[in-house]
Protein backbone atom coordinates (compact mmCIF):
# COMPACT_ATOMS: atom_id res chain seq x y z
CA UNK A 1 25.53 -2.34 -16.64
CA UNK A 2 29.14 -3.22 -17.02
CA UNK A 3 31.98 -2.81 -14.78
CA UNK A 4 35.81 -3.33 -14.75
CA UNK A 5 37.32 -5.03 -11.66
CA UNK A 6 36.49 -7.59 -9.47
CA UNK A 7 33.94 -10.51 -10.62
CA UNK A 8 31.89 -12.89 -8.77
CA UNK A 9 31.13 -16.44 -10.45
CA UNK A 10 32.46 -14.67 -13.81
CA UNK A 11 29.87 -11.78 -13.45
CA UNK A 12 30.86 -8.02 -12.66
CA UNK A 13 30.70 -7.68 -8.75
CA UNK A 14 27.94 -5.06 -8.70
CA UNK A 15 25.41 -7.34 -11.07
CA UNK A 16 26.59 -10.32 -8.19
CA UNK A 17 25.67 -7.96 -5.18
CA UNK A 18 22.37 -7.41 -6.95
CA UNK A 19 21.53 -10.71 -8.12
CA UNK A 20 22.18 -12.19 -4.72
CA UNK A 21 20.23 -9.75 -2.81
CA UNK A 22 17.51 -9.92 -5.53
CA UNK A 23 17.84 -13.53 -4.92
CA UNK A 24 17.31 -13.19 -1.05
CA UNK A 25 14.26 -11.63 -2.11
CA UNK A 26 12.51 -14.09 -3.93
CA UNK A 27 13.40 -17.24 -1.63
CA UNK A 28 11.57 -15.33 1.12
CA UNK A 29 8.86 -14.60 -1.09
CA UNK A 30 9.17 -18.60 -2.29
CA UNK A 31 8.83 -19.75 1.62
CA UNK A 32 5.47 -17.46 1.81
CA UNK A 33 4.20 -19.10 -0.94
CA UNK A 34 4.89 -22.74 0.32
CA UNK A 35 3.65 -21.80 3.74
CA UNK A 36 0.30 -20.70 1.85
CA UNK A 37 -0.14 -24.63 0.72
CA UNK A 38 -1.38 -25.23 4.21
CA UNK A 39 -4.45 -22.83 3.51
CA UNK A 40 -5.45 -24.92 0.32
CA UNK A 41 -5.00 -28.07 1.60
CA UNK A 42 -7.23 -26.83 4.76
CA UNK A 43 -9.86 -25.90 2.32
CA UNK A 44 -9.40 -28.77 0.43
CA UNK A 45 -8.60 -26.79 -2.73
CA UNK A 46 -6.25 -29.45 -3.99
CA UNK A 47 -5.73 -27.11 -7.41
CA UNK A 48 -4.55 -23.99 -5.51
CA UNK A 49 -2.25 -26.45 -3.39
CA UNK A 50 -0.64 -27.87 -6.56
CA UNK A 51 -0.51 -24.34 -8.02
CA UNK A 52 1.52 -22.86 -4.88
CA UNK A 53 3.80 -25.49 -4.96
CA UNK A 54 4.97 -24.94 -8.64
CA UNK A 55 5.11 -21.05 -8.01
CA UNK A 56 6.99 -21.46 -4.99
CA UNK A 57 9.11 -24.25 -6.41
CA UNK A 58 9.72 -21.64 -9.13
CA UNK A 59 10.53 -19.12 -7.37
CA UNK A 60 13.06 -21.18 -4.92
CA UNK A 61 14.96 -22.28 -8.00
CA UNK A 62 15.23 -18.50 -9.37
CA UNK A 63 16.13 -17.02 -6.02
CA UNK A 64 18.00 -19.67 -4.29
CA UNK A 65 20.04 -20.49 -7.61
CA UNK A 66 20.89 -16.56 -7.47
CA UNK A 67 21.75 -16.42 -3.86
CA UNK A 68 23.96 -19.41 -4.05
CA UNK A 69 25.79 -18.24 -7.37
CA UNK A 70 26.91 -15.11 -5.49
CA UNK A 71 27.16 -16.16 -2.38
CA UNK A 72 30.48 -14.20 -2.44
CA UNK A 73 29.40 -11.15 -3.37
CA UNK A 74 30.37 -7.73 -1.41
CA UNK A 75 28.07 -6.34 0.86
CA UNK A 76 25.40 -3.95 -0.92
CA UNK A 77 26.47 -0.20 -0.85
CA UNK A 78 23.96 2.70 -1.06
CA UNK A 79 23.87 2.90 -4.80
CA UNK A 80 23.15 -1.20 -4.70
CA UNK A 81 20.31 -0.48 -2.51
CA UNK A 82 18.35 1.98 -4.60
CA UNK A 83 18.73 -0.74 -7.45
CA UNK A 84 17.95 -3.69 -5.14
CA UNK A 85 15.14 -2.02 -4.14
CA UNK A 86 13.47 -1.05 -7.78
CA UNK A 87 14.67 -4.45 -9.11
CA UNK A 88 13.53 -6.49 -6.20
CA UNK A 89 9.90 -5.06 -5.75
CA UNK A 90 9.44 -5.68 -9.78
CA UNK A 91 11.00 -9.17 -9.49
CA UNK A 92 8.52 -10.01 -6.19
CA UNK A 93 5.60 -8.70 -8.18
CA UNK A 94 6.62 -10.89 -11.36
CA UNK A 95 6.94 -14.26 -9.17
CA UNK A 96 4.26 -13.38 -7.04
CA UNK A 97 1.71 -13.31 -9.80
CA UNK A 98 2.52 -17.03 -10.53
CA UNK A 99 -0.05 -18.06 -7.71
CA UNK A 100 -2.77 -16.05 -9.41
CA UNK A 101 -2.24 -17.31 -13.16
CA UNK A 102 -1.41 -21.34 -11.67
CA UNK A 103 -4.14 -21.22 -9.90
CA UNK A 104 -6.59 -19.69 -12.32
CA UNK A 105 -4.91 -22.41 -14.94
CA UNK A 106 -4.74 -25.58 -12.85
CA UNK A 107 -8.39 -25.19 -11.44
CA UNK A 108 -11.34 -27.54 -13.11
CA UNK A 109 -13.79 -25.95 -15.56
CA UNK A 110 -16.86 -26.45 -12.66
CA UNK A 111 -14.66 -24.34 -10.23
CA UNK A 112 -15.64 -21.09 -11.88
CA UNK A 113 -19.02 -21.78 -11.38
CA UNK A 114 -18.80 -23.62 -8.12
CA UNK A 115 -17.26 -20.89 -6.57
CA UNK A 116 -19.76 -18.54 -7.27
CA UNK A 117 -22.01 -17.49 -3.99
CA UNK A 118 -25.76 -18.10 -4.53
CA UNK A 119 -27.77 -14.91 -5.07
CA UNK A 120 -25.60 -13.13 -6.60
CA UNK A 121 -25.89 -11.75 -10.47
CA UNK A 122 -22.49 -12.91 -11.97
CA UNK A 123 -22.01 -16.51 -13.47
CA UNK A 124 -18.37 -17.24 -13.04
CA UNK A 125 -15.51 -16.61 -10.24
CA UNK A 126 -13.43 -13.56 -10.91
CA UNK A 127 -10.47 -16.44 -10.64
CA UNK A 128 -10.76 -16.90 -14.48
CA UNK A 129 -9.72 -12.98 -15.35
CA UNK A 130 -6.12 -13.96 -13.64
CA UNK A 131 -5.62 -16.18 -16.44
CA UNK A 132 -4.34 -13.37 -18.40
CA UNK A 133 -1.36 -12.76 -17.14
CA UNK A 134 -1.45 -9.43 -17.36
CA UNK A 135 -4.12 -9.27 -14.71
CA UNK A 136 -2.45 -11.71 -12.47
CA UNK A 137 1.05 -9.35 -12.66
CA UNK A 138 -1.45 -6.34 -12.18
CA UNK A 139 -3.13 -8.11 -8.91
CA UNK A 140 0.39 -9.14 -7.42
CA UNK A 141 2.12 -5.37 -8.11
CA UNK A 142 -1.25 -4.11 -6.41
CA UNK A 143 -0.91 -6.44 -3.46
CA UNK A 144 2.82 -6.06 -2.72
CA UNK A 145 2.85 -2.52 -3.06
CA UNK A 146 -0.30 -1.98 -0.97
CA UNK A 147 -2.04 -0.58 -3.58
CA UNK A 148 -5.85 -2.29 -3.45
CA UNK A 149 -6.90 -2.00 -6.92
CA UNK A 150 -8.05 -5.11 -7.89
CA UNK A 151 -8.81 -7.51 -11.12
CA UNK A 152 -10.68 -9.74 -8.85
CA UNK A 153 -13.59 -7.63 -9.02
CA UNK A 154 -16.13 -10.29 -7.13
CA UNK A 155 -13.70 -11.24 -3.78
CA UNK A 156 -16.32 -14.02 -2.38
CA UNK A 157 -15.44 -15.78 -5.69
CA UNK A 158 -12.26 -16.23 -5.50
CA UNK A 159 -10.53 -19.20 -3.87
CA UNK A 160 -9.70 -19.23 -0.17
CA UNK A 161 -6.35 -19.75 -0.91
CA UNK A 162 -6.09 -16.96 -3.47
CA UNK A 163 -8.02 -14.56 -0.85
CA UNK A 164 -5.15 -15.40 1.74
CA UNK A 165 -2.38 -14.43 -0.58
CA UNK A 166 -3.81 -11.25 -1.67
CA UNK A 167 -4.24 -10.29 1.98
CA UNK A 168 -0.29 -11.89 2.74
CA UNK A 169 1.16 -10.27 0.52
CA UNK A 170 -0.40 -6.77 1.27
CA UNK A 171 0.37 -7.56 4.91
CA UNK A 172 4.29 -8.20 4.01
CA UNK A 173 4.42 -5.49 1.55
CA UNK A 174 3.18 -2.75 3.89
CA UNK A 175 5.93 -3.31 6.06
CA UNK A 176 8.32 -3.81 2.97
CA UNK A 177 9.79 -7.30 1.48
CA UNK A 178 12.93 -5.61 1.73
CA UNK A 179 12.44 -5.55 5.70
CA UNK A 180 11.42 -8.53 5.86
CA UNK A 181 13.87 -10.24 4.28
CA UNK A 182 16.99 -7.96 6.10
CA UNK A 183 14.96 -9.05 9.65
CA UNK A 184 15.23 -12.60 8.97
CA UNK A 185 18.66 -13.02 6.99
CA UNK A 186 20.75 -10.13 7.65
CA UNK A 187 23.68 -9.46 9.89
CA UNK A 188 25.11 -6.60 11.74
CA UNK A 189 27.11 -4.66 9.10
CA UNK A 190 25.80 -6.91 6.02
CA UNK A 191 24.89 -3.62 4.19
CA UNK A 192 21.29 -3.84 5.73
CA UNK A 193 20.86 0.17 6.12
CA UNK A 194 21.83 0.07 2.59
CA UNK A 195 18.48 -2.01 1.69
CA UNK A 196 16.78 -0.38 4.57
CA UNK A 197 17.20 3.03 2.97
CA UNK A 198 16.76 1.71 -0.78
CA UNK A 199 13.45 0.95 0.27
CA UNK A 200 12.57 4.82 1.23
CA UNK A 201 12.80 4.13 4.82
CA UNK A 202 14.77 6.46 7.10
CA UNK A 203 14.22 6.39 10.78
CA UNK A 204 15.25 3.51 13.08
CA UNK A 205 14.26 2.72 16.41
CA UNK A 206 17.61 0.98 17.32
CA UNK A 207 21.29 1.83 16.12
CA UNK A 208 21.32 -1.79 14.18
CA UNK A 209 18.66 -1.76 11.44
CA UNK A 210 18.23 -5.39 12.01
CA UNK A 211 16.86 -4.75 15.31
CA UNK A 212 15.08 -2.28 14.11
CA UNK A 213 13.13 -3.90 11.81
CA UNK A 214 12.56 -7.04 13.80
CA UNK A 215 10.69 -4.66 16.53
CA UNK A 216 9.05 -3.05 13.75
CA UNK A 217 7.45 -6.75 13.18
CA UNK A 218 6.74 -7.30 16.57
CA UNK A 219 4.54 -4.27 17.07
CA UNK A 220 2.98 -5.29 13.53
CA UNK A 221 2.44 -8.76 14.70
CA UNK A 222 1.06 -7.22 17.71
CA UNK A 223 -1.26 -4.66 16.14
CA UNK A 224 -2.51 -7.29 14.04
CA UNK A 225 -3.89 -9.49 16.68
CA UNK A 226 -5.52 -7.08 18.33
CA UNK A 227 -7.47 -6.16 15.33
CA UNK A 228 -8.61 -9.40 14.35
CA UNK A 229 -9.78 -9.32 17.98
CA UNK A 230 -11.52 -6.27 17.20
CA UNK A 231 -12.89 -6.75 14.16
CA UNK A 232 -14.34 -10.19 14.95
CA UNK A 233 -16.40 -8.56 17.16
CA UNK A 234 -17.56 -5.93 15.05
CA UNK A 235 -18.21 -8.15 12.24
CA UNK A 236 -20.34 -10.62 14.44
CA UNK A 237 -22.29 -7.59 15.94
CA UNK A 238 -23.68 -6.10 12.55
CA UNK A 239 -26.54 -7.76 10.71
CA UNK A 240 -24.75 -9.08 7.91
CA UNK A 241 -22.34 -10.55 10.13
CA UNK A 242 -25.07 -12.59 12.37
CA UNK A 243 -26.01 -14.66 9.75
CA UNK A 244 -22.35 -16.08 9.01
CA UNK A 245 -20.67 -18.96 10.20
CA UNK A 246 -18.23 -18.34 13.18
CA UNK A 247 -15.24 -19.12 10.90
CA UNK A 248 -16.30 -17.15 8.27
CA UNK A 249 -16.45 -14.19 10.73
CA UNK A 250 -12.82 -14.97 11.95
CA UNK A 251 -11.95 -15.27 8.32
CA UNK A 252 -13.32 -12.03 7.36
CA UNK A 253 -12.11 -10.42 10.19
CA UNK A 254 -8.41 -11.60 9.91
CA UNK A 255 -8.21 -11.04 6.45
CA UNK A 256 -9.31 -7.58 6.83
CA UNK A 257 -7.15 -6.84 9.78
CA UNK A 258 -4.18 -7.72 7.72
CA UNK A 259 -5.34 -5.19 4.76
CA UNK A 260 -6.58 -2.61 7.42
CA UNK A 261 -3.50 -2.42 9.37
CA UNK A 262 -1.04 -3.02 6.31
CA UNK A 263 -2.55 0.46 4.84
CA UNK A 264 -3.26 -2.15 1.89
CA UNK A 265 -6.98 -1.98 1.30
CA UNK A 266 -8.08 -5.70 -0.30
CA UNK A 267 -11.06 -7.44 0.78
CA UNK A 268 -12.96 -10.46 0.90
CA UNK A 269 -16.23 -9.25 0.66
CA UNK A 270 -18.04 -8.12 -2.49
CA UNK A 271 -18.41 -4.32 -2.80
CA UNK A 272 -15.63 -4.03 -0.26
CA UNK A 273 -16.35 -2.43 3.35
CA UNK A 274 -19.87 -1.38 1.90
CA UNK A 275 -20.74 -4.99 2.22
CA UNK A 276 -21.47 -4.68 5.71
CA UNK A 277 -23.16 -1.33 5.81
CA UNK A 278 -22.62 -1.33 9.04
CA UNK A 279 -21.71 2.36 11.23
CA UNK A 280 -20.09 0.20 13.88
CA UNK A 281 -17.65 -1.54 11.27
CA UNK A 282 -16.32 1.97 9.72
CA UNK A 283 -15.94 2.96 13.18
CA UNK A 284 -13.58 0.40 14.42
CA UNK A 285 -11.78 0.71 11.00
CA UNK A 286 -10.70 4.21 11.35
CA UNK A 287 -8.13 3.74 14.47
CA UNK A 288 -6.52 0.73 12.49
CA UNK A 289 -6.17 2.45 9.62
CA UNK A 290 -4.82 5.34 11.32
CA UNK A 291 -2.60 2.90 13.25
CA UNK A 292 -0.90 2.07 9.96
CA UNK A 293 -0.34 5.55 8.78
CA UNK A 294 1.79 6.20 11.86
CA UNK A 295 5.36 6.03 12.06
CA UNK A 296 6.83 2.95 13.64
CA UNK A 297 9.24 4.99 16.05
CA UNK A 298 5.87 7.01 17.74
CA UNK A 299 4.52 3.27 18.37
CA UNK A 300 7.53 2.23 19.85
CA UNK A 301 8.12 5.38 22.13
CA UNK A 302 4.34 5.10 23.59
CA UNK A 303 4.51 1.14 24.03
CA UNK A 304 7.91 0.89 25.06
CA UNK A 305 8.32 3.97 27.34
CA UNK A 306 4.30 4.90 27.61
CA UNK A 307 5.15 8.18 26.27
CA UNK A 308 1.74 9.21 25.27
CA UNK A 309 2.64 12.53 24.59
CA UNK A 310 4.67 11.76 21.45
CA UNK A 311 1.08 11.15 19.28
CA UNK A 312 1.23 15.36 19.42
CA UNK A 313 4.90 16.15 20.13
CA UNK A 314 5.57 14.27 17.14
CA UNK A 315 5.40 17.05 14.21
CA UNK A 316 4.42 13.82 11.32
CA UNK A 317 1.59 12.47 14.00
CA UNK A 318 0.02 15.65 14.77
CA UNK A 319 -0.46 17.25 11.31
CA UNK A 320 -1.88 13.75 10.86
CA UNK A 321 -4.54 14.17 13.57
CA UNK A 322 -5.16 17.74 12.51
CA UNK A 323 -5.54 16.80 8.34
CA UNK A 324 -7.85 13.71 10.17
CA UNK A 325 -10.43 16.25 11.37
CA UNK A 326 -9.73 19.14 9.07
CA UNK A 327 -10.17 16.96 5.91
CA UNK A 328 -13.02 15.31 7.13
CA UNK A 329 -15.02 18.26 7.96
CA UNK A 330 -14.06 19.51 4.15
CA UNK A 331 -15.17 16.98 2.75
CA UNK A 332 -18.23 16.39 4.42
CA UNK A 333 -19.22 20.11 3.70
CA UNK A 334 -18.73 19.44 0.21
CA UNK A 335 -20.51 16.15 -0.03
CA UNK A 336 -23.73 18.55 1.70
CA UNK A 337 -23.05 20.83 -1.13
CA UNK A 338 -23.68 18.11 -3.89
CA UNK A 339 -26.43 16.75 -1.90
CA UNK A 340 -28.84 17.80 -4.69
CA UNK A 341 -26.95 15.83 -7.46
CA UNK A 342 -25.68 13.14 -6.00
CA UNK A 343 -28.56 12.19 -2.92
CA UNK A 344 -30.08 8.27 -3.57
CA UNK A 345 -26.76 7.17 -5.59
CA UNK A 346 -23.59 8.21 -4.15
CA UNK A 347 -24.00 7.61 -0.48
CA UNK A 348 -24.37 4.42 2.07
CA UNK A 349 -28.32 4.98 3.06
CA UNK A 350 -28.27 3.42 6.44
CA UNK A 351 -31.34 3.70 8.49
CA UNK A 352 -29.89 2.58 12.01
CA UNK A 353 -26.93 4.07 13.43
CA UNK A 354 -25.04 1.62 16.25
CA UNK A 355 -28.90 0.64 17.40
CA UNK A 356 -29.15 4.08 19.34
CA UNK A 357 -33.08 4.90 19.41
CA UNK A 358 -33.84 8.51 17.57
CA UNK A 359 -30.33 8.15 15.80
CA UNK A 360 -31.62 7.59 12.46
CA UNK A 361 -29.61 7.85 8.81
CA UNK A 362 -30.56 10.22 6.63
CA UNK A 363 -29.05 11.91 3.36
CA UNK A 364 -27.09 14.33 5.53
CA UNK A 365 -26.07 11.95 8.11
CA UNK A 366 -24.53 9.32 5.50
CA UNK A 367 -22.97 11.92 3.30
CA UNK A 368 -20.73 13.15 6.86
CA UNK A 369 -20.30 9.26 7.56
CA UNK A 370 -19.11 8.80 3.90
CA UNK A 371 -16.68 11.51 4.15
CA UNK A 372 -15.41 10.68 7.72
CA UNK A 373 -14.65 7.20 6.35
CA UNK A 374 -13.32 7.92 3.00
CA UNK A 375 -11.44 10.82 3.82
CA UNK A 376 -9.23 8.47 6.91
CA UNK A 377 -9.39 5.62 4.28
CA UNK A 378 -7.59 7.91 1.50
CA UNK A 379 -4.83 9.73 3.66
CA UNK A 380 -4.11 6.66 5.37
CA UNK A 381 -3.62 5.25 1.65
CA UNK A 382 -5.77 1.97 3.03
CA UNK A 383 -8.40 1.80 0.40
CA UNK A 384 -11.35 0.40 2.00
CA UNK A 385 -14.26 1.77 0.01
CA UNK A 386 -17.99 2.08 1.34
CA UNK A 387 -19.79 3.69 -1.18
CA UNK A 388 -20.06 4.56 -4.97
CA UNK A 389 -16.96 7.16 -5.32
CA UNK A 390 -18.23 6.69 -9.07
CA UNK A 391 -21.04 9.01 -8.54
CA UNK A 392 -19.55 11.36 -6.07
CA UNK A 393 -19.10 14.72 -7.25
CA UNK A 394 -15.40 15.98 -9.09
CA UNK A 395 -15.10 18.29 -6.07
CA UNK A 396 -15.16 15.66 -3.36
CA UNK A 397 -12.80 13.19 -5.97
CA UNK A 398 -10.57 16.20 -6.01
CA UNK A 399 -10.51 16.38 -2.23
CA UNK A 400 -9.81 12.79 -1.79
CA UNK A 401 -6.72 12.77 -4.77
CA UNK A 402 -5.74 15.49 -2.71
CA UNK A 403 -5.12 13.13 0.09
CA UNK A 404 -4.32 9.93 -1.57
CA UNK A 405 -1.39 12.02 -3.18
CA UNK A 406 -0.19 13.31 0.18
CA UNK A 407 -0.28 9.87 2.59
CA UNK A 408 0.45 9.83 6.02
CA UNK A 409 3.73 9.48 7.93
CA UNK A 410 6.98 8.48 6.58
CA UNK A 411 8.23 5.51 8.56
CA UNK A 412 4.67 3.77 8.29
CA UNK A 413 2.89 1.67 6.01
CA UNK A 414 1.75 4.20 3.94
CA UNK A 415 2.37 5.27 0.38
CA UNK A 416 1.98 8.84 -1.07
CA UNK A 417 4.71 11.94 -0.74
CA UNK A 418 4.10 11.62 3.02
CA UNK A 419 3.39 14.71 5.63
CA UNK A 420 6.91 15.14 6.31
CA UNK A 421 7.90 16.47 2.92
CA UNK A 422 4.87 18.31 2.96
CA UNK A 423 5.39 20.13 6.08
CA UNK A 424 9.15 20.42 4.63
CA UNK A 425 8.33 22.23 1.39
CA UNK A 426 6.10 24.62 3.50
CA UNK A 427 7.92 25.39 5.98
CA UNK A 428 11.01 25.81 2.84
CA UNK A 429 8.68 27.99 1.22
CA UNK A 430 8.66 30.36 4.00
CA UNK A 431 12.27 30.21 4.95
CA UNK A 432 13.20 31.14 1.12
CA UNK A 433 10.91 34.47 1.43
CA UNK A 434 12.30 35.23 4.88
CA UNK A 435 15.96 34.87 3.75
CA UNK A 436 15.69 37.81 1.59
CA UNK A 437 15.27 40.00 4.22
CA UNK A 438 18.57 38.65 5.95
CA UNK A 439 22.21 39.57 5.49
CA UNK A 440 24.43 37.01 3.70
CA UNK A 441 26.77 36.74 7.16
CA UNK A 442 23.70 36.31 9.18
CA UNK A 443 24.09 32.51 11.01
CA UNK A 444 20.63 30.96 11.13
CA UNK A 445 19.12 27.49 12.20
CA UNK A 446 15.58 26.48 12.02
CA UNK A 447 13.44 24.21 14.39
CA UNK A 448 11.73 21.57 13.06
CA UNK A 449 10.75 18.24 14.13
CA UNK A 450 12.73 18.55 17.40
CA UNK A 451 16.06 18.99 14.96
CA UNK A 452 17.75 22.42 14.62
CA UNK A 453 18.96 23.26 10.97
CA UNK A 454 21.62 25.36 9.40
CA UNK A 455 20.85 27.10 6.33
CA UNK A 456 22.73 24.77 4.55
CA UNK A 457 20.85 21.80 6.07
CA UNK A 458 17.70 23.40 5.39
CA UNK A 459 18.01 23.85 1.51
CA UNK A 460 19.09 20.40 1.46
CA UNK A 461 16.00 19.07 3.21
CA UNK A 462 13.79 21.66 1.59
CA UNK A 463 15.38 20.65 -2.34
CA UNK A 464 15.11 16.75 -1.47
CA UNK A 465 11.58 17.50 -0.57
CA UNK A 466 10.89 19.50 -3.54
CA UNK A 467 12.82 17.15 -5.68
CA UNK A 468 10.61 13.84 -5.17
CA UNK A 469 7.64 16.17 -4.66
CA UNK A 470 7.96 17.65 -7.98
CA UNK A 471 8.62 14.47 -9.75
CA UNK A 472 5.48 12.22 -8.45
CA UNK A 473 3.18 15.30 -9.75
CA UNK A 474 4.80 15.38 -12.71
CA UNK A 475 4.09 11.73 -13.00
CA UNK A 476 0.79 11.83 -11.47
CA UNK A 477 -0.09 14.72 -13.98
CA UNK A 478 1.12 13.00 -17.24
CA UNK A 479 -0.80 9.39 -16.34
CA UNK A 480 -3.96 11.35 -15.35
CA UNK A 481 -3.95 13.05 -18.90
CA UNK A 482 -3.46 9.75 -20.39
CA UNK A 483 -5.74 7.92 -18.83
CA UNK A 484 -8.45 10.33 -19.39
CA UNK A 485 -7.70 9.30 -23.11
CA UNK A 486 -7.79 5.57 -22.85
CA UNK A 487 -10.99 5.21 -20.27
CA UNK A 488 -14.18 5.51 -21.61
CA UNK A 489 -16.28 8.46 -22.58
CA UNK A 490 -18.56 8.05 -19.35
CA UNK A 491 -15.27 8.85 -17.18
CA UNK A 492 -13.99 12.88 -16.42
CA UNK A 493 -10.59 13.96 -15.78
CA UNK A 494 -11.44 14.43 -12.24
CA UNK A 495 -11.92 10.44 -12.50
CA UNK A 496 -8.86 9.73 -14.01
CA UNK A 497 -6.58 12.17 -11.85
CA UNK A 498 -8.27 9.91 -8.93
CA UNK A 499 -7.73 6.51 -10.07
CA UNK A 500 -3.97 7.63 -11.05
CA UNK A 501 -3.72 9.35 -7.50
CA UNK A 502 -5.12 6.04 -5.79
CA UNK A 503 -2.70 3.84 -7.81
CA UNK A 504 0.55 5.99 -7.30
CA UNK A 505 -0.41 6.69 -3.95
CA UNK A 506 -1.02 2.90 -3.15
CA UNK A 507 -4.48 3.51 -1.98
CA UNK A 508 -6.82 1.05 -3.83
CA UNK A 509 -10.35 3.13 -3.93
CA UNK A 510 -11.89 3.23 -7.37
CA UNK A 511 -14.36 5.35 -9.20
CA UNK A 512 -14.46 2.47 -11.35
CA UNK A 513 -12.18 2.60 -14.10
CA UNK A 514 -9.82 -0.14 -12.70
CA UNK A 515 -10.91 -3.48 -13.78
CA UNK A 516 -10.37 -6.56 -16.05
CA UNK A 517 -12.28 -4.72 -18.78
CA UNK A 518 -9.52 -1.45 -18.61
CA UNK A 519 -7.45 -0.51 -21.66
CA UNK A 520 -4.43 -2.62 -21.63
CA UNK A 521 -2.50 0.22 -21.95
CA UNK A 522 -3.71 2.14 -18.91
CA UNK A 523 -3.28 -1.20 -17.30
CA UNK A 524 0.07 -1.65 -18.05
CA UNK A 525 0.74 2.28 -17.11
CA UNK A 526 -0.47 1.38 -13.81
CA UNK A 527 1.80 -1.18 -13.09
CA UNK A 528 4.69 1.27 -13.19
CA UNK A 529 2.39 3.94 -10.94
CA UNK A 530 2.07 1.49 -8.13
CA UNK A 531 5.74 0.78 -8.39
CA UNK A 532 6.99 3.65 -8.57
CA UNK A 533 4.57 5.06 -5.89
CA UNK A 534 5.92 2.35 -3.35
CA UNK A 535 9.73 3.38 -3.62
CA UNK A 536 9.05 6.90 -4.25
CA UNK A 537 10.23 7.49 -7.59
CA UNK A 538 14.30 7.93 -6.44
CA UNK A 539 15.11 4.32 -6.47
CA UNK A 540 13.64 3.75 -9.77
CA UNK A 541 15.22 6.36 -11.83
CA UNK A 542 18.35 5.03 -10.24
CA UNK A 543 17.53 1.79 -11.26
CA UNK A 544 16.62 3.25 -15.15
CA UNK A 545 20.08 5.39 -14.84
CA UNK A 546 21.98 1.62 -13.73
CA UNK A 547 20.43 -0.09 -16.50
CA UNK A 548 21.47 2.27 -19.31
CA UNK A 549 25.19 4.16 -17.98
CA UNK A 550 25.91 1.50 -15.26
CA UNK A 551 26.96 1.81 -11.79
CA UNK A 552 30.22 3.85 -12.31
CA UNK A 553 29.84 7.47 -11.46
C-alpha cells in the first residue's frame, strides 16, 4: 500500500498507523494469554502454562514491537479504522491460535488419553486436533468472531486451560477486541471513533467513544456475574448437575455464562446444552442469550434511567421480541408437521418437565421445546445446541438459516445482517413504491427509529442497507453452493446453506458438516466467512482494495 509523503520509522504513514494500532490489539491479546497462565497453574496443567507463556511472549514481541516502532504515527482516520479492524481481527485470530497449537504440541503423549472422561466412546482427547495449524486457526477465528463452530468436538476432553481460552476469547470478542483495546489504551481525540466505526459499530452511549466502551464493559461484566449465579443454580438443580462436585458446577456456569451472554456458543460439555437435557437450564439460557442480542444503549437506558419503556420503544428491541415469538411459533409448527418423519431422532426426548406433576414430555412437546430454544439460539447468533439438528427437516433448517442470516440488534454482540437493516430495506421498498405517486417537488419526511429522515437521507439509508445485505446474501449463496460440492453425499443443500449461514452469521449450531474431518477447502472457506461476517463485509472489502491499490483515492 504505497503512499508518497510522510514516513514513520522509514515506513509510509498509512502503514505506520495500521501497524501501530494492530500492534495494540496484539499487545492486549498477549495480556489475556499471560493472565490465562494462572488458570493452567490452578489446574496443574504445566504443559499448557508453558504453551500460553510462549504464545503470550511471541504475541507481545510482535504487538509491542509494532506499537513502539510506530508510536509517532498520526491518529487513524476512517479509512484506517476499517483496515485496522479487518487486519486486526485476522491478526488477533492468527496469534490467538498459538495457545491451541502449542498446547497440543507441548502436551505429553499420556495427556491425550488421561484427559478422556470415563465411560465415553472416544479414545483420545480432542486436543490432538489442534496439532493441525488449520484446525487451531479455525478454532481461534471461531472463538474471536463469536461463531462457535468447533474442531474440539469432545469439549470435556480438552484441558481446562483450553476450555477457558475458548470461553474468554468469545467473551472478549462478543463485545469486540477493538472495543476492549479502545477502552484501556485510547484517549479522547486519539482516533477512537474511527476504530469504533471500523468494527461495524455506530451507536454511542456517551459523546466520547472511550466513555461509551467503558460503560459497555461495565454493563457486560455485571450481566456476566448475574448469569453465572443464575446458571449455577439451574445446573445444580438438574439431574446432571446434581452428580457433579460444586466446583465443576461453578466451572460450567462460568463458561456457559461467558459464551451465552456474548452470543458465542462454545460449551465445555459434550453435545453443548443437550448434555443437560434440562428444560430449566434451556429456559434460563433464553433471557441470557436475549440480553446479548439487545443493543447496549437500550441496556444503559434501562439500568441507568429505569426506562423500561425502551424495551418496546426501541425499534430493534421491539422487532427482536416480535421475531422471538413469531419465529418460535413458525418453527414449532414446522417441527410438528415433520414429526412423522423425524420423531425419535431429531428432538430431545424428556419425560419430566420442571418436575411438575402431570406435565410430561412427548414427541409434540419436545418438538415445540426444541423449536423455541433453537430459534432464540439462532436469532441471537448464540449457537447453543440441544438437539441433533442434522436430523431436522429441510424446512426447519431453512427457517433457522433465515434467523441466523438476519441476527439480532445492531450495537449488541450478535452477527448477521441485523434487524435494523432488514427493517430499513422493508421500509425502503415501501418508500420506492410510494414515491412513484409523488411529484418531484414534494417534500417528504419519514419517521424511522425515532429519527425524521428526508428523501435524500432515506435513499442513503436504504442504499447502504441494501448493498450490505446484497453482498452478504451473494457470499452466503456462493459459499453454500461450493460447500454442497465439498461436503459428503449425506448432506443436502439445506445442510450446506444452514452451515454457511451459521459460520457467516457467527452463530455456531451445526448439522454435522463442521468438524476435524471436513474438507480442508471448506474449512478454509469458513475462516473467510466467519471473518467477513464479524466485520459486516465492508471493512474486508476496504482492506482488499487497499492491499491492491493503496489508500489513496
